[in-house]
Amino acid sequence: MNIQSIISIAALAATLVSCSGNAPAPSSQTPDQPVAQPAQSVATEGNEITYNVYIKPQYMNDPDAAELYANFDRAAFVDSLFSAVYTKGVKVTDMDGNPMTIDDIKIREVEDPNFSRDKVAGIRFREVWSYNPSTNTMTKKVKSMLVGYEVVEDSTIVALRPNFEFHFD
């Protein structure tokens, strides 16, 4: 399942959750009375959500992994994140919220064997979702992305070890 499919499913889920599921009460109107107009739907704004996404197969022998990750170039995605730090000055903090410099990131890449780009297996997104029912559109703004490195046992990623967070707000 690619990112676009995940976003589509999330939008559908948000739409379904916003519906009450209750059937309208029977009308007591007579034919000559005007029909009441339904209440206007209100756009939702600023709903912050945090969720994890594996960007690498969790199970090393997963037969569905080829299909699930077929349209996602994980290595290019991870490289683009590091490039954003090194060349565009994207703000990065450690797990305590302390700012990290480009040199901090470079030192980790060189000195820490667990900090390999090949071991980036997941992202924790912090986003703001908004839905506008009058236009039937949903928007998402990524506020931050926490990089998770794989913790592997018996050929299975059993956990994501958080390392640093990219901030976009």
C-alpha atoms as a PDB file:
ATOM      1  CA  MET A   1       0.000   0.000   0.000  1.00  0.00           C
ATOM      2  CA  ASN A   2       1.577   3.287  -1.022  1.00  0.00           C
ATOM      3  CA  ILE A   3       1.479   6.617   0.827  1.00  0.00           C
ATOM      4  CA  GLN A   4      -1.254   7.926  -1.484  1.00  0.00           C
ATOM      5  CA  SER A   5      -3.467   4.939  -0.615  1.00  0.00           C
ATOM      6  CA  ILE A   6      -2.823   5.453   3.096  1.00  0.00           C
ATOM      7  CA  ILE A   7      -3.790   9.126   2.801  1.00  0.00           C
ATOM      8  CA  SER A   8      -6.968   8.178   0.902  1.00  0.00           C
ATOM      9  CA  ILE A   9      -7.908   5.630   3.549  1.00  0.00           C
ATOM     10  CA  ALA A  10      -7.236   8.164   6.331  1.00  0.00           C
ATOM     11  CA  ALA A  11      -9.435  10.745   4.592  1.00  0.00           C
ATOM     12  CA  LEU A  12     -12.228   8.205   4.204  1.00  0.00           C
ATOM     13  CA  ALA A  13     -11.901   7.179   7.847  1.00  0.00           C
ATOM     14  CA  ALA A  14     -12.071  10.819   8.967  1.00  0.00           C
ATOM     15  CA  THR A  15     -15.206  11.303   6.878  1.00  0.00           C
ATOM     16  CA  LEU A  16     -16.856   8.170   8.258  1.00  0.00           C
ATOM     17  CA  VAL A  17     -15.992   9.072  11.845  1.00  0.00           C
ATOM     18  CA  SER A  18     -17.637  12.467  11.396  1.00  0.00           C
ATOM     19  CA  CYS A  19     -20.954  10.818  10.433  1.00  0.00           C
ATOM     20  CA  SER A  20     -23.325  10.005  13.303  1.00  0.00           C
ATOM     21  CA  GLY A  21     -24.749   6.866  11.723  1.00  0.00           C
ATOM     22  CA  ASN A  22     -28.218   7.682  13.106  1.00  0.00           C
ATOM     23  CA  ALA A  23     -31.189   7.510  10.759  1.00  0.00           C
ATOM     24  CA  PRO A  24     -33.299  10.675  10.609  1.00  0.00           C
ATOM     25  CA  ALA A  25     -36.508  10.722  12.594  1.00  0.00           C
ATOM     26  CA  PRO A  26     -39.716  10.268  10.577  1.00  0.00           C
ATOM     27  CA  SER A  27     -41.032  13.569   9.273  1.00  0.00           C
ATOM     28  CA  SER A  28     -44.210  14.995  10.730  1.00  0.00           C
ATOM     29  CA  GLN A  29     -44.480  17.639   8.021  1.00  0.00           C
ATOM     30  CA  THR A  30     -47.574  17.948   5.884  1.00  0.00           C
ATOM     31  CA  PRO A  31     -47.221  18.312   2.100  1.00  0.00           C
ATOM     32  CA  ASP A  32     -47.843  22.079   2.182  1.00  0.00           C
ATOM     33  CA  GLN A  33     -45.132  22.819   4.787  1.00  0.00           C
ATOM     34  CA  PRO A  34     -41.667  23.843   3.600  1.00  0.00           C
ATOM     35  CA  VAL A  35     -38.997  21.207   3.906  1.00  0.00           C
ATOM     36  CA  ALA A  36     -36.463  22.012   6.604  1.00  0.00           C
ATOM     37  CA  GLN A  37     -32.955  22.508   5.328  1.00  0.00           C
ATOM     38  CA  PRO A  38     -30.269  20.298   6.857  1.00  0.00           C
ATOM     39  CA  ALA A  39     -27.818  21.974   9.208  1.00  0.00           C
ATOM     40  CA  GLN A  40     -24.675  23.169   7.491  1.00  0.00           C
ATOM     41  CA  SER A  41     -21.667  20.974   8.068  1.00  0.00           C
ATOM     42  CA  VAL A  42     -18.809  22.705   9.809  1.00  0.00           C
ATOM     43  CA  ALA A  43     -15.262  22.398   8.577  1.00  0.00           C
ATOM     44  CA  THR A  44     -12.863  20.801  11.037  1.00  0.00           C
ATOM     45  CA  GLU A  45      -9.643  22.691  11.584  1.00  0.00           C
ATOM     46  CA  GLY A  46      -6.547  22.016  13.593  1.00  0.00           C
ATOM     47  CA  ASN A  47      -7.083  18.378  14.510  1.00  0.00           C
ATOM     48  CA  GLU A  48      -3.580  17.265  15.444  1.00  0.00           C
ATOM     49  CA  ILE A  49      -2.793  13.577  15.067  1.00  0.00           C
ATOM     50  CA  THR A  50       0.357  11.565  15.708  1.00  0.00           C
ATOM     51  CA  TYR A  51       0.903   8.168  14.119  1.00  0.00           C
ATOM     52  CA  ASN A  52       3.673   5.765  13.116  1.00  0.00           C
ATOM     53  CA  VAL A  53       4.349   4.491   9.614  1.00  0.00           C
ATOM     54  CA  TYR A  54       6.758   1.691   8.833  1.00  0.00           C
ATOM     55  CA  ILE A  55       8.786   2.591   5.761  1.00  0.00           C
ATOM     56  CA  LYS A  56      10.565  -0.764   5.726  1.00  0.00           C
ATOM     57  CA  PRO A  57       8.955  -4.217   5.933  1.00  0.00           C
ATOM     58  CA  GLN A  58       8.435  -5.115   9.585  1.00  0.00           C
ATOM     59  CA  TYR A  59       8.765  -8.843   8.848  1.00  0.00           C
ATOM     60  CA  MET A  60      11.821  -9.716   6.781  1.00  0.00           C
ATOM     61  CA  ASN A  61      10.110 -12.691   5.106  1.00  0.00           C
ATOM     62  CA  ASP A  62       6.779 -10.955   4.480  1.00  0.00           C
ATOM     63  CA  PRO A  63       5.419 -12.164   1.109  1.00  0.00           C
ATOM     64  CA  ASP A  64       3.271  -9.005   0.795  1.00  0.00           C
ATOM     65  CA  ALA A  65       6.167  -6.604   1.349  1.00  0.00           C
ATOM     66  CA  ALA A  66       7.050  -6.347  -2.344  1.00  0.00           C
ATOM     67  CA  GLU A  67       3.540  -5.123  -3.124  1.00  0.00           C
ATOM     68  CA  LEU A  68       3.219  -2.881  -0.057  1.00  0.00           C
ATOM     69  CA  TYR A  69       6.479  -1.051  -0.703  1.00  0.00           C
ATOM     70  CA  ALA A  70       6.600  -1.332  -4.510  1.00  0.00           C
ATOM     71  CA  ASN A  71       5.972   2.372  -5.153  1.00  0.00           C
ATOM     72  CA  PHE A  72       8.109   3.692  -2.317  1.00  0.00           C
ATOM     73  CA  ASP A  73      11.831   4.339  -2.650  1.00  0.00           C
ATOM     74  CA  ARG A  74      12.814   4.268   1.019  1.00  0.00           C
ATOM     75  CA  ALA A  75      16.498   4.980   0.409  1.00  0.00           C
ATOM     76  CA  ALA A  76      15.739   8.056  -1.716  1.00  0.00           C
ATOM     77  CA  PHE A  77      13.189   9.272   0.866  1.00  0.00           C
ATOM     78  CA  VAL A  78      15.652   8.908   3.768  1.00  0.00           C
ATOM     79  CA  ASP A  79      18.427  10.550   1.724  1.00  0.00           C
ATOM     80  CA  SER A  80      16.121  13.480   0.970  1.00  0.00           C
ATOM     81  CA  LEU A  81      15.462  13.974   4.699  1.00  0.00           C
ATOM     82  CA  PHE A  82      19.174  14.124   5.470  1.00  0.00           C
ATOM     83  CA  SER A  83      19.723  16.394   2.475  1.00  0.00           C
ATOM     84  CA  ALA A  84      17.049  18.755   3.822  1.00  0.00           C
ATOM     85  CA  VAL A  85      19.064  19.075   7.029  1.00  0.00           C
ATOM     86  CA  TYR A  86      22.447  19.409   5.341  1.00  0.00           C
ATOM     87  CA  THR A  87      21.492  21.790   2.531  1.00  0.00           C
ATOM     88  CA  LYS A  88      18.202  23.465   3.433  1.00  0.00           C
ATOM     89  CA  GLY A  89      18.617  23.978   7.167  1.00  0.00           C
ATOM     90  CA  VAL A  90      15.535  22.047   8.281  1.00  0.00           C
ATOM     91  CA  LYS A  91      15.308  22.263  12.068  1.00  0.00           C
ATOM     92  CA  VAL A  92      16.199  19.025  13.891  1.00  0.00           C
ATOM     93  CA  THR A  93      15.975  18.250  17.604  1.00  0.00           C
ATOM     94  CA  ASP A  94      17.076  15.316  19.713  1.00  0.00           C
ATOM     95  CA  MET A  95      14.626  13.280  21.795  1.00  0.00           C
ATOM     96  CA  ASP A  96      14.745  15.852  24.595  1.00  0.00           C
ATOM     97  CA  GLY A  97      13.826  18.695  22.236  1.00  0.00           C
ATOM     98  CA  ASN A  98      17.342  20.126  22.150  1.00  0.00           C
ATOM     99  CA  PRO A  99      18.392  21.598  18.798  1.00  0.00           C
ATOM    100  CA  MET A 100      20.888  19.535  16.816  1.00  0.00           C
ATOM    101  CA  THR A 101      23.425  20.992  14.426  1.00  0.00           C
ATOM    102  CA  ILE A 102      24.502  19.635  11.073  1.00  0.00           C
ATOM    103  CA  ASP A 103      27.734  18.544  12.752  1.00  0.00           C
ATOM    104  CA  ASP A 104      25.749  16.615  15.408  1.00  0.00           C
ATOM    105  CA  ILE A 105      23.985  14.671  12.664  1.00  0.00           C
ATOM    106  CA  LYS A 106      27.200  14.063  10.698  1.00  0.00           C
ATOM    107  CA  ILE A 107      29.004  12.804  13.809  1.00  0.00           C
ATOM    108  CA  ARG A 108      26.177  10.354  14.551  1.00  0.00           C
ATOM    109  CA  GLU A 109      26.236   9.092  10.982  1.00  0.00           C
ATOM    110  CA  VAL A 110      29.970   8.402  11.189  1.00  0.00           C
ATOM    111  CA  GLU A 111      30.388   7.194  14.772  1.00  0.00           C
ATOM    112  CA  ASP A 112      27.167   5.360  15.702  1.00  0.00           C
ATOM    113  CA  PRO A 113      26.661   2.006  13.910  1.00  0.00           C
ATOM    114  CA  ASN A 114      22.968   2.081  14.887  1.00  0.00           C
ATOM    115  CA  PHE A 115      22.561   5.426  13.125  1.00  0.00           C
ATOM    116  CA  SER A 116      22.889   4.014   9.610  1.00  0.00           C
ATOM    117  CA  ARG A 117      20.442   5.351   7.037  1.00  0.00           C
ATOM    118  CA  ASP A 118      19.842   1.705   6.054  1.00  0.00           C
ATOM    119  CA  LYS A 119      18.315   1.135   9.509  1.00  0.00           C
ATOM    120  CA  VAL A 120      15.698   3.884   9.262  1.00  0.00           C
ATOM    121  CA  ALA A 121      12.537   1.776   9.410  1.00  0.00           C
ATOM    122  CA  GLY A 122       9.773   4.103  10.514  1.00  0.00           C
ATOM    123  CA  ILE A 123       8.531   7.643  10.839  1.00  0.00           C
ATOM    124  CA  ARG A 124       6.271   9.087  13.526  1.00  0.00           C
ATOM    125  CA  PHE A 125       4.292  11.850  11.862  1.00  0.00           C
ATOM    126  CA  ARG A 126       2.781  14.739  13.806  1.00  0.00           C
ATOM    127  CA  GLU A 127       0.242  16.415  11.552  1.00  0.00           C
ATOM    128  CA  VAL A 128      -2.710  18.766  11.560  1.00  0.00           C
ATOM    129  CA  TRP A 129      -5.693  17.463   9.610  1.00  0.00           C
ATOM    130  CA  SER A 130      -8.526  19.643   8.333  1.00  0.00           C
ATOM    131  CA  TYR A 131     -11.670  18.572   6.525  1.00  0.00           C
ATOM    132  CA  ASN A 132     -13.948  20.948   4.619  1.00  0.00           C
ATOM    133  CA  PRO A 133     -17.326  19.321   3.939  1.00  0.00           C
ATOM    134  CA  SER A 134     -18.531  22.112   1.651  1.00  0.00           C
ATOM    135  CA  THR A 135     -15.724  21.347  -0.817  1.00  0.00           C
ATOM    136  CA  ASN A 136     -15.297  17.718   0.257  1.00  0.00           C
ATOM    137  CA  THR A 137     -11.570  18.232   0.677  1.00  0.00           C
ATOM    138  CA  MET A 138      -9.124  17.180   3.324  1.00  0.00           C
ATOM    139  CA  THR A 139      -5.756  18.791   3.921  1.00  0.00           C
ATOM    140  CA  LYS A 140      -2.840  17.665   6.025  1.00  0.00           C
ATOM    141  CA  LYS A 141       0.106  19.700   7.250  1.00  0.00           C
ATOM    142  CA  VAL A 142       3.103  17.771   8.497  1.00  0.00           C
ATOM    143  CA  LYS A 143       4.433  19.521  11.600  1.00  0.00           C
ATOM    144  CA  SER A 144       7.229  17.063  12.371  1.00  0.00           C
ATOM    145  CA  MET A 145       8.678  13.675  11.521  1.00  0.00           C
ATOM    146  CA  LEU A 146      10.416  11.587  14.166  1.00  0.00           C
ATOM    147  CA  VAL A 147      12.914   9.144  12.637  1.00  0.00           C
ATOM    148  CA  GLY A 148      12.788   5.616  14.031  1.00  0.00           C
ATOM    149  CA  TYR A 149      15.636   3.131  13.655  1.00  0.00           C
ATOM    150  CA  GLU A 150      14.915  -0.584  13.543  1.00  0.00           C
ATOM    151  CA  VAL A 151      15.343  -2.864  16.534  1.00  0.00           C
ATOM    152  CA  VAL A 152      15.486  -6.381  15.055  1.00  0.00           C
ATOM    153  CA  GLU A 153      14.982  -9.746  16.756  1.00  0.00           C
ATOM    154  CA  ASP A 154      14.618 -13.011  14.842  1.00  0.00           C
ATOM    155  CA  SER A 155      14.338 -11.265  11.455  1.00  0.00           C
ATOM    156  CA  THR A 156      11.503  -9.066  12.691  1.00  0.00           C
ATOM    157  CA  ILE A 157      11.490  -5.356  13.438  1.00  0.00           C
ATOM    158  CA  VAL A 158      10.145  -5.466  16.996  1.00  0.00           C
ATOM    159  CA  ALA A 159      10.479  -1.768  17.767  1.00  0.00           C
ATOM    160  CA  LEU A 160      11.478   1.592  16.386  1.00  0.00           C
ATOM    161  CA  ARG A 161      14.211   3.396  18.315  1.00  0.00           C
ATOM    162  CA  PRO A 162      13.554   7.134  18.033  1.00  0.00           C
ATOM    163  CA  ASN A 163      16.604   9.229  17.307  1.00  0.00           C
ATOM    164  CA  PHE A 164      15.793  12.749  16.162  1.00  0.00           C
ATOM    165  CA  GLU A 165      12.900  14.810  14.876  1.00  0.00           C
ATOM    166  CA  PHE A 166      12.557  17.028  11.790  1.00  0.00           C
ATOM    167  CA  HIS A 167      10.372  20.110  12.379  1.00  0.00           C
ATOM    168  CA  PHE A 168       8.436  21.842   9.602  1.00  0.00           C
ATOM    169  CA  ASP A 169       6.450  24.478  11.486  1.00  0.00           C
END
